[in-house]
Amino acid sequence: MATNASKSQITFWSSTLIDFQTKEVTDSLTIVKLSGKLNEVTRSYFFQCIGDTLDGGCKQVVVDCNGLGMLGSAGLASLMLARKHARKKGGRIFLTHVNSVIADVLAKTNLNKLLAIYPSTASLLDTIKKGELANS
């Protein structure tokens, strides 16, 4: 299984606002590791990166939130736009490693019912391998 990896980030005054690392696992599956904040400042960059991944032919994008420290309302909107864009392309967005604070935000906004959330990337990949994905 060949993989391609890339890394990009937004910095402000030597402080990283968001770090975006991608790893293409297969032609149709890419893992995106986020670190930092997904908010008003970083949302368009996040959406552009996810959009470029989907427009490149990837059908399944795994957003690993392990390093995501903050998710603002604009970040929530960008996640929903990414989901919509993926669905138009016949693809899906998955979230993994969602911490308790972000999980609480997703639950309070009921977005946890629209986004496919898995405890870990390994558990998601195992579910995909078994063909047991839920529709979301």
Protein backbone atom coordinates (compact mmCIF):
# COMPACT_ATOMS: atom_id res chain seq x y z
CA MET A 1 0.00 0.00 0.00
CA ALA A 2 1.73 3.17 -1.20
CA THR A 3 1.29 6.37 0.76
CA ASN A 4 1.90 10.00 -0.05
CA ALA A 5 2.25 12.60 2.68
CA SER A 6 2.25 16.38 2.82
CA LYS A 7 2.23 19.06 5.47
CA SER A 8 1.11 22.69 5.53
CA GLN A 9 0.26 25.22 8.19
CA ILE A 10 -0.86 28.76 8.96
CA THR A 11 1.30 30.76 11.36
CA PHE A 12 0.85 34.17 12.93
CA TRP A 13 3.71 35.84 14.76
CA SER A 14 5.60 32.53 14.98
CA SER A 15 2.57 30.82 16.49
CA THR A 16 1.00 27.98 14.51
CA LEU A 17 -2.74 28.49 14.22
CA ILE A 18 -3.44 25.27 12.33
CA ASP A 19 -1.23 22.47 11.10
CA PHE A 20 -2.60 20.30 8.33
CA GLN A 21 -0.82 17.01 7.54
CA THR A 22 -2.18 14.64 4.91
CA LYS A 23 -1.35 11.03 4.29
CA GLU A 24 -2.82 9.32 1.25
CA VAL A 25 -3.45 5.74 2.33
CA THR A 26 -5.08 4.63 -0.93
CA ASP A 27 -6.33 6.44 -4.02
CA SER A 28 -9.71 6.81 -2.34
CA LEU A 29 -8.71 7.33 1.32
CA THR A 30 -6.70 10.17 2.83
CA ILE A 31 -5.98 10.84 6.50
CA VAL A 32 -5.77 14.51 7.50
CA LYS A 33 -4.19 15.26 10.87
CA LEU A 34 -5.22 18.60 12.32
CA SER A 35 -3.38 20.45 15.05
CA GLY A 36 -4.23 23.85 16.47
CA LYS A 37 -7.46 25.77 16.09
CA LEU A 38 -10.30 25.46 13.61
CA ASN A 39 -11.96 28.86 13.80
CA GLU A 40 -12.76 32.03 11.83
CA VAL A 41 -9.10 32.59 10.94
CA THR A 42 -8.36 29.05 9.74
CA ARG A 43 -11.71 27.85 8.36
CA SER A 44 -11.21 28.83 4.71
CA TYR A 45 -7.74 27.28 4.69
CA PHE A 46 -9.14 24.06 6.19
CA PHE A 47 -11.97 23.95 3.64
CA GLN A 48 -9.55 24.61 0.77
CA CYS A 49 -7.27 21.77 1.89
CA ILE A 50 -10.17 19.34 2.29
CA GLY A 51 -11.64 20.51 -1.04
CA ASP A 52 -8.32 20.00 -2.83
CA THR A 53 -8.13 16.47 -1.41
CA LEU A 54 -11.66 15.66 -2.58
CA ASP A 55 -11.19 17.35 -5.95
CA GLY A 56 -8.07 15.23 -6.44
CA GLY A 57 -10.28 12.13 -6.55
CA CYS A 58 -10.22 11.05 -2.90
CA LYS A 59 -13.62 9.71 -1.80
CA GLN A 60 -13.00 9.19 1.92
CA VAL A 61 -11.30 11.82 4.08
CA VAL A 62 -10.45 10.97 7.67
CA VAL A 63 -9.99 14.09 9.80
CA ASP A 64 -7.84 13.08 12.79
CA CYS A 65 -8.69 15.64 15.49
CA ASN A 66 -6.15 14.39 18.03
CA GLY A 67 -4.19 17.67 17.94
CA LEU A 68 -7.19 19.95 17.51
CA GLY A 69 -7.32 22.18 20.57
CA MET A 70 -10.23 24.45 19.65
CA LEU A 71 -13.27 24.24 17.41
CA GLY A 72 -15.18 27.50 16.98
CA SER A 73 -18.49 28.15 15.30
CA ALA A 74 -16.76 28.96 12.00
CA GLY A 75 -14.89 25.66 12.33
CA LEU A 76 -18.19 23.84 12.79
CA ALA A 77 -19.50 25.52 9.65
CA SER A 78 -16.38 24.52 7.70
CA LEU A 79 -16.81 20.89 8.80
CA MET A 80 -20.38 20.93 7.52
CA LEU A 81 -19.30 22.56 4.23
CA ALA A 82 -16.60 19.90 3.86
CA ARG A 83 -19.23 17.20 4.49
CA LYS A 84 -21.51 18.75 1.87
CA HIS A 85 -18.67 19.00 -0.66
CA ALA A 86 -17.69 15.37 -0.02
CA ARG A 87 -21.26 14.17 -0.52
CA LYS A 88 -21.51 16.07 -3.84
CA LYS A 89 -18.37 14.22 -4.95
CA GLY A 90 -19.79 10.87 -3.82
CA GLY A 91 -17.45 10.82 -0.82
CA ARG A 92 -17.48 11.02 2.95
CA ILE A 93 -15.81 12.86 5.80
CA PHE A 94 -14.97 11.02 9.02
CA LEU A 95 -13.76 12.46 12.32
CA THR A 96 -11.48 10.49 14.63
CA HIS A 97 -9.76 11.14 17.97
CA VAL A 98 -12.32 13.79 18.94
CA ASN A 99 -11.54 15.02 22.45
CA SER A 100 -14.26 15.42 25.09
CA VAL A 101 -14.54 19.22 24.73
CA ILE A 102 -15.01 19.05 20.95
CA ALA A 103 -17.34 16.04 21.31
CA ASP A 104 -19.44 18.11 23.72
CA VAL A 105 -19.63 21.00 21.21
CA LEU A 106 -20.66 18.59 18.45
CA ALA A 107 -23.30 17.03 20.71
CA LYS A 108 -24.75 20.38 21.84
CA THR A 109 -25.13 21.47 18.22
CA ASN A 110 -26.46 18.03 17.17
CA LEU A 111 -23.71 17.84 14.55
CA ASN A 112 -22.60 14.55 16.08
CA LYS A 113 -25.70 13.11 14.37
CA LEU A 114 -24.58 14.36 10.95
CA LEU A 115 -20.84 13.72 11.13
CA ALA A 116 -19.38 10.22 11.18
CA ILE A 117 -17.29 10.13 14.38
CA TYR A 118 -15.03 7.25 15.39
CA PRO A 119 -12.89 6.88 18.53
CA SER A 120 -9.69 6.27 16.58
CA THR A 121 -8.37 6.12 13.05
CA ALA A 122 -7.53 2.45 13.55
CA SER A 123 -11.13 1.63 14.55
CA LEU A 124 -12.46 3.50 11.51
CA LEU A 125 -10.06 1.74 9.13
CA ASP A 126 -11.09 -1.60 10.67
CA THR A 127 -14.77 -0.71 10.16
CA ILE A 128 -14.09 0.25 6.53
CA LYS A 129 -12.17 -2.98 5.98
CA LYS A 130 -15.10 -5.00 7.36
CA GLY A 131 -17.60 -3.04 5.23
CA GLU A 132 -19.62 -1.99 8.27
CA LEU A 133 -19.87 1.78 7.74
CA ALA A 134 -23.00 3.55 8.96
CA ASN A 135 -24.69 6.01 6.62
CA SER A 136 -24.00 9.59 7.71
